[in-house]
Amino acid sequence: MDRSPAFGSTTTPGTSSTNTNAKVESAAMAAHQATDRIADSATTKVDQLSGTAHRAVNRTADAVASATDWAATIPEQAKQVQARFTESACTAIRAKPLQTVAGTLIVGYLLGRLARL
């Protein structure tokens, strides 16, 4: 089979493959550049999302630390309330001991009656 150029063709042998190679190289370069742009864009987006996630985690950690500090003060506050209540009750009993005992007996009697119903 003869591989001579077609009738009226002005290309020389080997020029066609050079043009094809140049086109392939050009397409490969364009694809490479497009891939680089996509990778750069993806990296930027991932960095932005990562920063957002870090900020959210930091805000959550701050909120948890604040809640923990608040919860740690509750037992001390409960002790203080109990101490004030006890002191108030002792003061009332010292001021009127007979009325306190009589009131306690009446309340106990009424609770006993209610329990039987």
PDB file of N, CA and C in Angstrom:
ATOM      1  N   MET A   1       0.862  -1.156   0.000  1.00  0.00           N
ATOM      2  CA  MET A   1       0.000   0.000   0.000  1.00  0.00           C
ATOM      3  C   MET A   1       0.904   1.213   0.000  1.00  0.00           C
ATOM      4  N   ASP A   2       0.583   2.144  -0.841  1.00  0.00           N
ATOM      5  CA  ASP A   2       1.393   3.347  -0.994  1.00  0.00           C
ATOM      6  C   ASP A   2       0.903   4.409  -0.032  1.00  0.00           C
ATOM      7  N   ARG A   3       1.809   5.019   0.754  1.00  0.00           N
ATOM      8  CA  ARG A   3       1.448   6.053   1.718  1.00  0.00           C
ATOM      9  C   ARG A   3       1.877   7.426   1.213  1.00  0.00           C
ATOM     10  N   SER A   4       1.771   7.646   0.002  1.00  0.00           N
ATOM     11  CA  SER A   4       2.130   8.949  -0.549  1.00  0.00           C
ATOM     12  C   SER A   4       0.990   9.912  -0.278  1.00  0.00           C
ATOM     13  N   PRO A   5       1.324  11.191  -0.230  1.00  0.00           N
ATOM     14  CA  PRO A   5       0.278  12.173   0.056  1.00  0.00           C
ATOM     15  C   PRO A   5      -0.778  12.142  -1.017  1.00  0.00           C
ATOM     16  N   ALA A   6      -1.985  12.520  -0.603  1.00  0.00           N
ATOM     17  CA  ALA A   6      -3.111  12.535  -1.530  1.00  0.00           C
ATOM     18  C   ALA A   6      -2.848  13.536  -2.627  1.00  0.00           C
ATOM     19  N   PHE A   7      -3.528  13.320  -3.725  1.00  0.00           N
ATOM     20  CA  PHE A   7      -3.344  14.169  -4.888  1.00  0.00           C
ATOM     21  C   PHE A   7      -3.665  15.609  -4.534  1.00  0.00           C
ATOM     22  N   GLY A   8      -2.793  16.546  -4.799  1.00  0.00           N
ATOM     23  CA  GLY A   8      -2.989  17.962  -4.555  1.00  0.00           C
ATOM     24  C   GLY A   8      -2.616  18.365  -3.143  1.00  0.00           C
ATOM     25  N   SER A   9      -2.160  17.453  -2.317  1.00  0.00           N
ATOM     26  CA  SER A   9      -1.783  17.791  -0.943  1.00  0.00           C
ATOM     27  C   SER A   9      -0.422  18.429  -0.939  1.00  0.00           C
ATOM     28  N   THR A  10      -0.263  19.454  -0.087  1.00  0.00           N
ATOM     29  CA  THR A  10       1.005  20.157  -0.045  1.00  0.00           C
ATOM     30  C   THR A  10       1.806  19.819   1.196  1.00  0.00           C
ATOM     31  N   THR A  11       1.309  18.903   2.041  1.00  0.00           N
ATOM     32  CA  THR A  11       2.051  18.556   3.252  1.00  0.00           C
ATOM     33  C   THR A  11       3.166  17.606   2.916  1.00  0.00           C
ATOM     34  N   THR A  12       4.199  17.742   3.648  1.00  0.00           N
ATOM     35  CA  THR A  12       5.317  16.831   3.477  1.00  0.00           C
ATOM     36  C   THR A  12       5.194  15.726   4.501  1.00  0.00           C
ATOM     37  N   PRO A  13       5.775  14.589   4.225  1.00  0.00           N
ATOM     38  CA  PRO A  13       5.680  13.488   5.179  1.00  0.00           C
ATOM     39  C   PRO A  13       6.279  13.900   6.521  1.00  0.00           C
ATOM     40  N   GLY A  14       5.570  13.539   7.627  1.00  0.00           N
ATOM     41  CA  GLY A  14       6.056  13.841   8.967  1.00  0.00           C
ATOM     42  C   GLY A  14       5.471  15.123   9.519  1.00  0.00           C
ATOM     43  N   THR A  15       5.005  16.020   8.693  1.00  0.00           N
ATOM     44  CA  THR A  15       4.444  17.290   9.145  1.00  0.00           C
ATOM     45  C   THR A  15       3.114  17.050   9.832  1.00  0.00           C
ATOM     46  N   SER A  16       2.339  16.122   9.344  1.00  0.00           N
ATOM     47  CA  SER A  16       1.034  15.813   9.919  1.00  0.00           C
ATOM     48  C   SER A  16       1.195  15.309  11.351  1.00  0.00           C
ATOM     49  N   SER A  17       2.134  14.440  11.585  1.00  0.00           N
ATOM     50  CA  SER A  17       2.335  13.914  12.936  1.00  0.00           C
ATOM     51  C   SER A  17       2.876  14.997  13.859  1.00  0.00           C
ATOM     52  N   THR A  18       3.659  15.932  13.332  1.00  0.00           N
ATOM     53  CA  THR A  18       4.163  17.032  14.147  1.00  0.00           C
ATOM     54  C   THR A  18       3.013  17.927  14.575  1.00  0.00           C
ATOM     55  N   ASN A  19       2.096  18.196  13.648  1.00  0.00           N
ATOM     56  CA  ASN A  19       0.920  19.003  13.986  1.00  0.00           C
ATOM     57  C   ASN A  19       0.058  18.287  15.020  1.00  0.00           C
ATOM     58  N   THR A  20      -0.097  16.974  14.874  1.00  0.00           N
ATOM     59  CA  THR A  20      -0.884  16.186  15.812  1.00  0.00           C
ATOM     60  C   THR A  20      -0.232  16.204  17.187  1.00  0.00           C
ATOM     61  N   ASN A  21       1.082  16.017  17.229  1.00  0.00           N
ATOM     62  CA  ASN A  21       1.795  16.055  18.505  1.00  0.00           C
ATOM     63  C   ASN A  21       1.654  17.417  19.174  1.00  0.00           C
ATOM     64  N   ALA A  22       1.723  18.473  18.401  1.00  0.00           N
ATOM     65  CA  ALA A  22       1.586  19.815  18.955  1.00  0.00           C
ATOM     66  C   ALA A  22       0.191  20.025  19.511  1.00  0.00           C
ATOM     67  N   LYS A  23      -0.817  19.509  18.786  1.00  0.00           N
ATOM     68  CA  LYS A  23      -2.187  19.631  19.267  1.00  0.00           C
ATOM     69  C   LYS A  23      -2.392  18.829  20.550  1.00  0.00           C
ATOM     70  N   VAL A  24      -1.844  17.633  20.605  1.00  0.00           N
ATOM     71  CA  VAL A  24      -1.944  16.794  21.794  1.00  0.00           C
ATOM     72  C   VAL A  24      -1.251  17.472  22.970  1.00  0.00           C
ATOM     73  N   GLU A  25      -0.062  17.998  22.712  1.00  0.00           N
ATOM     74  CA  GLU A  25       0.672  18.698  23.780  1.00  0.00           C
ATOM     75  C   GLU A  25      -0.103  19.917  24.250  1.00  0.00           C
ATOM     76  N   SER A  26      -0.688  20.651  23.315  1.00  0.00           N
ATOM     77  CA  SER A  26      -1.480  21.831  23.668  1.00  0.00           C
ATOM     78  C   SER A  26      -2.691  21.437  24.500  1.00  0.00           C
ATOM     79  N   ALA A  27      -3.368  20.368  24.089  1.00  0.00           N
ATOM     80  CA  ALA A  27      -4.540  19.887  24.844  1.00  0.00           C
ATOM     81  C   ALA A  27      -4.121  19.399  26.223  1.00  0.00           C
ATOM     82  N   ALA A  28      -2.993  18.712  26.303  1.00  0.00           N
ATOM     83  CA  ALA A  28      -2.501  18.223  27.594  1.00  0.00           C
ATOM     84  C   ALA A  28      -2.151  19.390  28.509  1.00  0.00           C
ATOM     85  N   MET A  29      -1.534  20.414  27.957  1.00  0.00           N
ATOM     86  CA  MET A  29      -1.174  21.593  28.745  1.00  0.00           C
ATOM     87  C   MET A  29      -2.425  22.304  29.251  1.00  0.00           C
ATOM     88  N   ALA A  30      -3.428  22.422  28.374  1.00  0.00           N
ATOM     89  CA  ALA A  30      -4.684  23.058  28.768  1.00  0.00           C
ATOM     90  C   ALA A  30      -5.370  22.248  29.869  1.00  0.00           C
ATOM     91  N   ALA A  31      -5.366  20.930  29.735  1.00  0.00           N
ATOM     92  CA  ALA A  31      -5.959  20.070  30.762  1.00  0.00           C
ATOM     93  C   ALA A  31      -5.195  20.200  32.069  1.00  0.00           C
ATOM     94  N   HIS A  32      -3.878  20.257  31.992  1.00  0.00           N
ATOM     95  CA  HIS A  32      -3.043  20.406  33.187  1.00  0.00           C
ATOM     96  C   HIS A  32      -3.331  21.738  33.887  1.00  0.00           C
ATOM     97  N   GLN A  33      -3.448  22.803  33.093  1.00  0.00           N
ATOM     98  CA  GLN A  33      -3.743  24.116  33.678  1.00  0.00           C
ATOM     99  C   GLN A  33      -5.130  24.136  34.313  1.00  0.00           C
ATOM    100  N   ALA A  34      -6.088  23.507  33.658  1.00  0.00           N
ATOM    101  CA  ALA A  34      -7.441  23.438  34.211  1.00  0.00           C
ATOM    102  C   ALA A  34      -7.439  22.650  35.516  1.00  0.00           C
ATOM    103  N   THR A  35      -6.694  21.558  35.534  1.00  0.00           N
ATOM    104  CA  THR A  35      -6.591  20.757  36.750  1.00  0.00           C
ATOM    105  C   THR A  35      -5.955  21.565  37.869  1.00  0.00           C
ATOM    106  N   ASP A  36      -4.914  22.332  37.550  1.00  0.00           N
ATOM    107  CA  ASP A  36      -4.265  23.177  38.561  1.00  0.00           C
ATOM    108  C   ASP A  36      -5.229  24.226  39.106  1.00  0.00           C
ATOM    109  N   ARG A  37      -6.020  24.841  38.224  1.00  0.00           N
ATOM    110  CA  ARG A  37      -6.987  25.852  38.675  1.00  0.00           C
ATOM    111  C   ARG A  37      -8.032  25.219  39.587  1.00  0.00           C
ATOM    112  N   ILE A  38      -8.516  24.041  39.206  1.00  0.00           N
ATOM    113  CA  ILE A  38      -9.512  23.344  40.026  1.00  0.00           C
ATOM    114  C   ILE A  38      -8.917  22.969  41.379  1.00  0.00           C
ATOM    115  N   ALA A  39      -7.685  22.474  41.375  1.00  0.00           N
ATOM    116  CA  ALA A  39      -7.027  22.099  42.631  1.00  0.00           C
ATOM    117  C   ALA A  39      -6.819  23.312  43.520  1.00  0.00           C
ATOM    118  N   ASP A  40      -6.408  24.437  42.932  1.00  0.00           N
ATOM    119  CA  ASP A  40      -6.228  25.663  43.717  1.00  0.00           C
ATOM    120  C   ASP A  40      -7.552  26.131  44.308  1.00  0.00           C
ATOM    121  N   SER A  41      -8.595  26.079  43.510  1.00  0.00           N
ATOM    122  CA  SER A  41      -9.922  26.483  43.986  1.00  0.00           C
ATOM    123  C   SER A  41     -10.395  25.566  45.105  1.00  0.00           C
ATOM    124  N   ALA A  42     -10.198  24.264  44.932  1.00  0.00           N
ATOM    125  CA  ALA A  42     -10.604  23.298  45.955  1.00  0.00           C
ATOM    126  C   ALA A  42      -9.815  23.519  47.242  1.00  0.00           C
ATOM    127  N   THR A  43      -8.525  23.782  47.108  1.00  0.00           N
ATOM    128  CA  THR A  43      -7.691  24.024  48.287  1.00  0.00           C
ATOM    129  C   THR A  43      -8.174  25.258  49.036  1.00  0.00           C
ATOM    130  N   THR A  44      -8.514  26.297  48.304  1.00  0.00           N
ATOM    131  CA  THR A  44      -9.019  27.520  48.927  1.00  0.00           C
ATOM    132  C   THR A  44     -10.318  27.242  49.672  1.00  0.00           C
ATOM    133  N   LYS A  45     -11.226  26.522  49.040  1.00  0.00           N
ATOM    134  CA  LYS A  45     -12.510  26.201  49.677  1.00  0.00           C
ATOM    135  C   LYS A  45     -12.308  25.327  50.912  1.00  0.00           C
ATOM    136  N   VAL A  46     -11.428  24.349  50.821  1.00  0.00           N
ATOM    137  CA  VAL A  46     -11.156  23.481  51.968  1.00  0.00           C
ATOM    138  C   VAL A  46     -10.566  24.300  53.113  1.00  0.00           C
ATOM    139  N   ASP A  47      -9.674  25.222  52.812  1.00  0.00           N
ATOM    140  CA  ASP A  47      -9.100  26.085  53.843  1.00  0.00           C
ATOM    141  C   ASP A  47     -10.180  26.937  54.501  1.00  0.00           C
ATOM    142  N   GLN A  48     -11.096  27.475  53.692  1.00  0.00           N
ATOM    143  CA  GLN A  48     -12.183  28.283  54.252  1.00  0.00           C
ATOM    144  C   GLN A  48     -13.080  27.440  55.151  1.00  0.00           C
ATOM    145  N   LEU A  49     -13.443  26.250  54.690  1.00  0.00           N
ATOM    146  CA  LEU A  49     -14.291  25.367  55.487  1.00  0.00           C
ATOM    147  C   LEU A  49     -13.584  24.929  56.759  1.00  0.00           C
ATOM    148  N   SER A  50     -12.304  24.673  56.650  1.00  0.00           N
ATOM    149  CA  SER A  50     -11.526  24.280  57.822  1.00  0.00           C
ATOM    150  C   SER A  50     -11.503  25.399  58.851  1.00  0.00           C
ATOM    151  N   GLY A  51     -11.314  26.624  58.392  1.00  0.00           N
ATOM    152  CA  GLY A  51     -11.318  27.768  59.299  1.00  0.00           C
ATOM    153  C   GLY A  51     -12.668  27.932  59.974  1.00  0.00           C
ATOM    154  N   THR A  52     -13.739  27.760  59.202  1.00  0.00           N
ATOM    155  CA  THR A  52     -15.082  27.851  59.763  1.00  0.00           C
ATOM    156  C   THR A  52     -15.312  26.763  60.810  1.00  0.00           C
ATOM    157  N   ALA A  53     -14.885  25.559  60.507  1.00  0.00           N
ATOM    158  CA  ALA A  53     -15.035  24.454  61.464  1.00  0.00           C
ATOM    159  C   ALA A  53     -14.233  24.724  62.733  1.00  0.00           C
ATOM    160  N   HIS A  54     -13.021  25.235  62.588  1.00  0.00           N
ATOM    161  CA  HIS A  54     -12.201  25.543  63.766  1.00  0.00           C
ATOM    162  C   HIS A  54     -12.864  26.610  64.633  1.00  0.00           C
ATOM    163  N   ARG A  55     -13.419  27.630  63.991  1.00  0.00           N
ATOM    164  CA  ARG A  55     -14.096  28.678  64.760  1.00  0.00           C
ATOM    165  C   ARG A  55     -15.306  28.120  65.499  1.00  0.00           C
ATOM    166  N   ALA A  56     -16.069  27.243  64.849  1.00  0.00           N
ATOM    167  CA  ALA A  56     -17.237  26.637  65.488  1.00  0.00           C
ATOM    168  C   ALA A  56     -16.824  25.775  66.673  1.00  0.00           C
ATOM    169  N   VAL A  57     -15.767  25.006  66.508  1.00  0.00           N
ATOM    170  CA  VAL A  57     -15.279  24.165  67.602  1.00  0.00           C
ATOM    171  C   VAL A  57     -14.793  25.031  68.765  1.00  0.00           C
ATOM    172  N   ASN A  58     -14.096  26.112  68.457  1.00  0.00           N
ATOM    173  CA  ASN A  58     -13.613  27.002  69.517  1.00  0.00           C
ATOM    174  C   ASN A  58     -14.768  27.654  70.267  1.00  0.00           C
ATOM    175  N   ARG A  59     -15.809  28.090  69.540  1.00  0.00           N
ATOM    176  CA  ARG A  59     -16.975  28.692  70.201  1.00  0.00           C
ATOM    177  C   ARG A  59     -17.666  27.658  71.090  1.00  0.00           C
ATOM    178  N   THR A  60     -17.794  26.439  70.601  1.00  0.00           N
ATOM    179  CA  THR A  60     -18.419  25.383  71.393  1.00  0.00           C
ATOM    180  C   THR A  60     -17.596  25.081  72.639  1.00  0.00           C
ATOM    181  N   ALA A  61     -16.293  25.006  72.485  1.00  0.00           N
ATOM    182  CA  ALA A  61     -15.418  24.746  73.634  1.00  0.00           C
ATOM    183  C   ALA A  61     -15.530  25.871  74.661  1.00  0.00           C
ATOM    184  N   ASP A  62     -15.603  27.113  74.199  1.00  0.00           N
ATOM    185  CA  ASP A  62     -15.764  28.236  75.121  1.00  0.00           C
ATOM    186  C   ASP A  62     -17.092  28.147  75.870  1.00  0.00           C
ATOM    187  N   ALA A  63     -18.156  27.787  75.153  1.00  0.00           N
ATOM    188  CA  ALA A  63     -19.469  27.658  75.792  1.00  0.00           C
ATOM    189  C   ALA A  63     -19.472  26.536  76.822  1.00  0.00           C
ATOM    190  N   VAL A  64     -18.840  25.426  76.488  1.00  0.00           N
ATOM    191  CA  VAL A  64     -18.770  24.301  77.425  1.00  0.00           C
ATOM    192  C   VAL A  64     -17.951  24.685  78.658  1.00  0.00           C
ATOM    193  N   ALA A  65     -16.854  25.388  78.463  1.00  0.00           N
ATOM    194  CA  ALA A  65     -16.031  25.807  79.596  1.00  0.00           C
ATOM    195  C   ALA A  65     -16.816  26.762  80.496  1.00  0.00           C
ATOM    196  N   SER A  66     -17.571  27.656  79.894  1.00  0.00           N
ATOM    197  CA  SER A  66     -18.383  28.589  80.669  1.00  0.00           C
ATOM    198  C   SER A  66     -19.456  27.844  81.459  1.00  0.00           C
ATOM    199  N   ALA A  67     -20.123  26.885  80.805  1.00  0.00           N
ATOM    200  CA  ALA A  67     -21.152  26.100  81.496  1.00  0.00           C
ATOM    201  C   ALA A  67     -20.551  25.261  82.618  1.00  0.00           C
ATOM    202  N   THR A  68     -19.368  24.742  82.392  1.00  0.00           N
ATOM    203  CA  THR A  68     -18.696  23.951  83.418  1.00  0.00           C
ATOM    204  C   THR A  68     -18.344  24.819  84.629  1.00  0.00           C
ATOM    205  N   ASP A  69     -17.847  26.017  84.355  1.00  0.00           N
ATOM    206  CA  ASP A  69     -17.533  26.940  85.461  1.00  0.00           C
ATOM    207  C   ASP A  69     -18.787  27.277  86.253  1.00  0.00           C
ATOM    208  N   TRP A  70     -19.888  27.522  85.547  1.00  0.00           N
ATOM    209  CA  TRP A  70     -21.142  27.841  86.216  1.00  0.00           C
ATOM    210  C   TRP A  70     -21.619  26.653  87.051  1.00  0.00           C
ATOM    211  N   ALA A  71     -21.559  25.446  86.481  1.00  0.00           N
ATOM    212  CA  ALA A  71     -22.014  24.252  87.188  1.00  0.00           C
ATOM    213  C   ALA A  71     -21.144  23.957  88.410  1.00  0.00           C
ATOM    214  N   ALA A  72     -19.886  24.330  88.344  1.00  0.00           N
ATOM    215  CA  ALA A  72     -18.992  24.092  89.479  1.00  0.00           C
ATOM    216  C   ALA A  72     -19.352  24.974  90.676  1.00  0.00           C
ATOM    217  N   THR A  73     -20.005  26.097  90.443  1.00  0.00           N
ATOM    218  CA  THR A  73     -20.376  26.988  91.547  1.00  0.00           C
ATOM    219  C   THR A  73     -21.674  26.564  92.232  1.00  0.00           C
ATOM    220  N   ILE A  74     -22.460  25.692  91.628  1.00  0.00           N
ATOM    221  CA  ILE A  74     -23.755  25.308  92.187  1.00  0.00           C
ATOM    222  C   ILE A  74     -23.636  24.631  93.553  1.00  0.00           C
ATOM    223  N   PRO A  75     -22.746  23.664  93.763  1.00  0.00           N
ATOM    224  CA  PRO A  75     -22.662  23.051  95.093  1.00  0.00           C
ATOM    225  C   PRO A  75     -22.336  24.075  96.196  1.00  0.00           C
ATOM    226  N   GLU A  76     -21.454  24.998  95.911  1.00  0.00           N
ATOM    227  CA  GLU A  76     -21.113  26.018  96.909  1.00  0.00           C
ATOM    228  C   GLU A  76     -22.314  26.901  97.200  1.00  0.00           C
ATOM    229  N   GLN A  77     -23.059  27.270  96.165  1.00  0.00           N
ATOM    230  CA  GLN A  77     -24.256  28.083  96.364  1.00  0.00           C
ATOM    231  C   GLN A  77     -25.298  27.321  97.181  1.00  0.00           C
ATOM    232  N   ALA A  78     -25.450  26.021  96.915  1.00  0.00           N
ATOM    233  CA  ALA A  78     -26.399  25.203  97.674  1.00  0.00           C
ATOM    234  C   ALA A  78     -26.001  25.139  99.145  1.00  0.00           C
ATOM    235  N   LYS A  79     -24.717  25.019  99.424  1.00  0.00           N
ATOM    236  CA  LYS A  79     -24.244  25.010 100.819  1.00  0.00           C
ATOM    237  C   LYS A  79     -24.551  26.332 101.499  1.00  0.00           C
ATOM    238  N   GLN A  80     -24.369  27.429 100.780  1.00  0.00           N
ATOM    239  CA  GLN A  80     -24.647  28.742 101.353  1.00  0.00           C
ATOM    240  C   GLN A  80     -26.134  28.909 101.655  1.00  0.00           C
ATOM    241  N   VAL A  81     -26.999  28.452 100.747  1.00  0.00           N
ATOM    242  CA  VAL A  81     -28.447  28.540 100.967  1.00  0.00           C
ATOM    243  C   VAL A  81     -28.844  27.685 102.152  1.00  0.00           C
ATOM    244  N   GLN A  82     -28.280  26.499 102.247  1.00  0.00           N
ATOM    245  CA  GLN A  82     -28.588  25.608 103.363  1.00  0.00           C
ATOM    246  C   GLN A  82     -28.141  26.236 104.680  1.00  0.00           C
ATOM    247  N   ALA A  83     -26.972  26.828 104.704  1.00  0.00           N
ATOM    248  CA  ALA A  83     -26.476  27.468 105.925  1.00  0.00           C
ATOM    249  C   ALA A  83     -27.377  28.630 106.332  1.00  0.00           C
ATOM    250  N   ARG A  84     -27.830  29.448 105.367  1.00  0.00           N
ATOM    251  CA  ARG A  84     -28.729  30.569 105.685  1.00  0.00           C
ATOM    252  C   ARG A  84     -30.073  30.062 106.212  1.00  0.00           C
ATOM    253  N   PHE A  85     -30.611  29.009 105.566  1.00  0.00           N
ATOM    254  CA  PHE A  85     -31.882  28.452 106.011  1.00  0.00           C
ATOM    255  C   PHE A  85     -31.765  27.888 107.428  1.00  0.00           C
ATOM    256  N   THR A  86     -30.697  27.157 107.692  1.00  0.00           N
ATOM    257  CA  THR A  86     -30.489  26.586 109.022  1.00  0.00           C
ATOM    258  C   THR A  86     -30.367  27.681 110.066  1.00  0.00           C
ATOM    259  N   GLU A  87     -29.610  28.706 109.765  1.00  0.00           N
ATOM    260  CA  GLU A  87     -29.443  29.820 110.699  1.00  0.00           C
ATOM    261  C   GLU A  87     -30.771  30.522 110.948  1.00  0.00           C
ATOM    262  N   SER A  88     -31.559  30.715 109.902  1.00  0.00           N
ATOM    263  CA  SER A  88     -32.864  31.353 110.040  1.00  0.00           C
ATOM    264  C   SER A  88     -33.800  30.508 110.905  1.00  0.00           C
ATOM    265  N   ALA A  89     -33.804  29.195 110.682  1.00  0.00           N
ATOM    266  CA  ALA A  89     -34.646  28.299 111.481  1.00  0.00           C
ATOM    267  C   ALA A  89     -34.215  28.305 112.942  1.00  0.00           C
ATOM    268  N   CYS A  90     -32.925  28.280 113.179  1.00  0.00           N
ATOM    269  CA  CYS A  90     -32.422  28.303 114.563  1.00  0.00           C
ATOM    270  C   CYS A  90     -32.806  29.599 115.263  1.00  0.00           C
ATOM    271  N   THR A  91     -32.729  30.695 114.552  1.00  0.00           N
ATOM    272  CA  THR A  91     -33.088  31.988 115.133  1.00  0.00           C
ATOM    273  C   THR A  91     -34.579  32.012 115.487  1.00  0.00           C
ATOM    274  N   ALA A  92     -35.430  31.497 114.598  1.00  0.00           N
ATOM    275  CA  ALA A  92     -36.872  31.465 114.856  1.00  0.00           C
ATOM    276  C   ALA A  92     -37.196  30.562 116.045  1.00  0.00           C
ATOM    277  N   ILE A  93     -36.547  29.419 116.133  1.00  0.00           N
ATOM    278  CA  ILE A  93     -36.792  28.487 117.245  1.00  0.00           C
ATOM    279  C   ILE A  93     -36.343  29.102 118.564  1.00  0.00           C
ATOM    280  N   ARG A  94     -35.212  29.784 118.597  1.00  0.00           N
ATOM    281  CA  ARG A  94     -34.719  30.422 119.821  1.00  0.00           C
ATOM    282  C   ARG A  94     -35.649  31.563 120.266  1.00  0.00           C
ATOM    283  N   ALA A  95     -36.220  32.251 119.287  1.00  0.00           N
ATOM    284  CA  ALA A  95     -37.097  33.378 119.630  1.00  0.00           C
ATOM    285  C   ALA A  95     -38.410  32.897 120.245  1.00  0.00           C
ATOM    286  N   LYS A  96     -38.989  31.819 119.724  1.00  0.00           N
ATOM    287  CA  LYS A  96     -40.292  31.335 120.213  1.00  0.00           C
ATOM    288  C   LYS A  96     -40.263  29.811 120.305  1.00  0.00           C
ATOM    289  N   PRO A  97     -39.606  29.235 121.288  1.00  0.00           N
ATOM    290  CA  PRO A  97     -39.466  27.775 121.346  1.00  0.00           C
ATOM    291  C   PRO A  97     -40.786  27.035 121.574  1.00  0.00           C
ATOM    292  N   LEU A  98     -41.668  27.530 122.457  1.00  0.00           N
ATOM    293  CA  LEU A  98     -42.919  26.820 122.742  1.00  0.00           C
ATOM    294  C   LEU A  98     -43.856  26.844 121.545  1.00  0.00           C
ATOM    295  N   GLN A  99     -43.925  27.975 120.848  1.00  0.00           N
ATOM    296  CA  GLN A  99     -44.793  28.055 119.672  1.00  0.00           C
ATOM    297  C   GLN A  99     -44.266  27.155 118.558  1.00  0.00           C
ATOM    298  N   THR A 100     -42.976  27.049 118.429  1.00  0.00           N
ATOM    299  CA  THR A 100     -42.374  26.199 117.394  1.00  0.00           C
ATOM    300  C   THR A 100     -42.688  24.741 117.670  1.00  0.00           C
ATOM    301  N   VAL A 101     -42.552  24.302 118.921  1.00  0.00           N
ATOM    302  CA  VAL A 101     -42.841  22.904 119.282  1.00  0.00           C
ATOM    303  C   VAL A 101     -44.324  22.622 119.082  1.00  0.00           C
ATOM    304  N   ALA A 102     -45.201  23.545 119.504  1.00  0.00           N
ATOM    305  CA  ALA A 102     -46.650  23.345 119.348  1.00  0.00           C
ATOM    306  C   ALA A 102     -47.005  23.267 117.862  1.00  0.00           C
ATOM    307  N   GLY A 103     -46.448  24.158 117.054  1.00  0.00           N
ATOM    308  CA  GLY A 103     -46.719  24.134 115.611  1.00  0.00           C
ATOM    309  C   GLY A 103     -46.240  22.847 114.979  1.00  0.00           C
ATOM    310  N   THR A 104     -45.104  22.354 115.397  1.00  0.00           N
ATOM    311  CA  THR A 104     -44.554  21.104 114.859  1.00  0.00           C
ATOM    312  C   THR A 104     -45.463  19.930 115.214  1.00  0.00           C
ATOM    313  N   LEU A 105     -45.980  19.906 116.455  1.00  0.00           N
ATOM    314  CA  LEU A 105     -46.884  18.828 116.866  1.00  0.00           C
ATOM    315  C   LEU A 105     -48.181  18.861 116.051  1.00  0.00           C
ATOM    316  N   ILE A 106     -48.709  20.048 115.828  1.00  0.00           N
ATOM    317  CA  ILE A 106     -49.946  20.170 115.050  1.00  0.00           C
ATOM    318  C   ILE A 106     -49.730  19.711 113.608  1.00  0.00           C
ATOM    319  N   VAL A 107     -48.665  20.136 113.004  1.00  0.00           N
ATOM    320  CA  VAL A 107     -48.361  19.726 111.626  1.00  0.00           C
ATOM    321  C   VAL A 107     -48.174  18.215 111.557  1.00  0.00           C
ATOM    322  N   GLY A 108     -47.481  17.617 112.514  1.00  0.00           N
ATOM    323  CA  GLY A 108     -47.279  16.173 112.539  1.00  0.00           C
ATOM    324  C   GLY A 108     -48.586  15.420 112.681  1.00  0.00           C
ATOM    325  N   TYR A 109     -49.482  15.926 113.550  1.00  0.00           N
ATOM    326  CA  TYR A 109     -50.799  15.296 113.742  1.00  0.00           C
ATOM    327  C   TYR A 109     -51.597  15.338 112.445  1.00  0.00           C
ATOM    328  N   LEU A 110     -51.621  16.510 111.789  1.00  0.00           N
ATOM    329  CA  LEU A 110     -52.383  16.646 110.546  1.00  0.00           C
ATOM    330  C   LEU A 110     -51.829  15.746 109.441  1.00  0.00           C
ATOM    331  N   LEU A 111     -50.511  15.655 109.331  1.00  0.00           N
ATOM    332  CA  LEU A 111     -49.913  14.771 108.319  1.00  0.00           C
ATOM    333  C   LEU A 111     -50.244  13.311 108.600  1.00  0.00           C
ATOM    334  N   GLY A 112     -50.258  12.940 109.860  1.00  0.00           N
ATOM    335  CA  GLY A 112     -50.638  11.575 110.231  1.00  0.00           C
ATOM    336  C   GLY A 112     -52.066  11.267 109.848  1.00  0.00           C
ATOM    337  N   ARG A 113     -52.980  12.196 110.078  1.00  0.00           N
ATOM    338  CA  ARG A 113     -54.399  12.017 109.717  1.00  0.00           C
ATOM    339  C   ARG A 113     -54.559  11.882 108.198  1.00  0.00           C
ATOM    340  N   LEU A 114     -53.807  12.728 107.470  1.00  0.00           N
ATOM    341  CA  LEU A 114     -53.892  12.656 106.008  1.00  0.00           C
ATOM    342  C   LEU A 114     -53.342  11.340 105.474  1.00  0.00           C
ATOM    343  N   ALA A 115     -52.347  10.784 106.139  1.00  0.00           N
ATOM    344  CA  ALA A 115     -51.767   9.528 105.688  1.00  0.00           C
ATOM    345  C   ALA A 115     -52.721   8.354 105.872  1.00  0.00           C
ATOM    346  N   ARG A 116     -53.622   8.455 106.832  1.00  0.00           N
ATOM    347  CA  ARG A 116     -54.578   7.360 107.084  1.00  0.00           C
ATOM    348  C   ARG A 116     -55.712   7.343 106.053  1.00  0.00           C
ATOM    349  N   LEU A 117     -55.966   8.455 105.409  1.00  0.00           N
ATOM    350  CA  LEU A 117     -57.076   8.518 104.450  1.00  0.00           C
ATOM    351  C   LEU A 117     -56.765   7.804 103.217  1.00  0.00           C
TER     352      LEU A 117
END
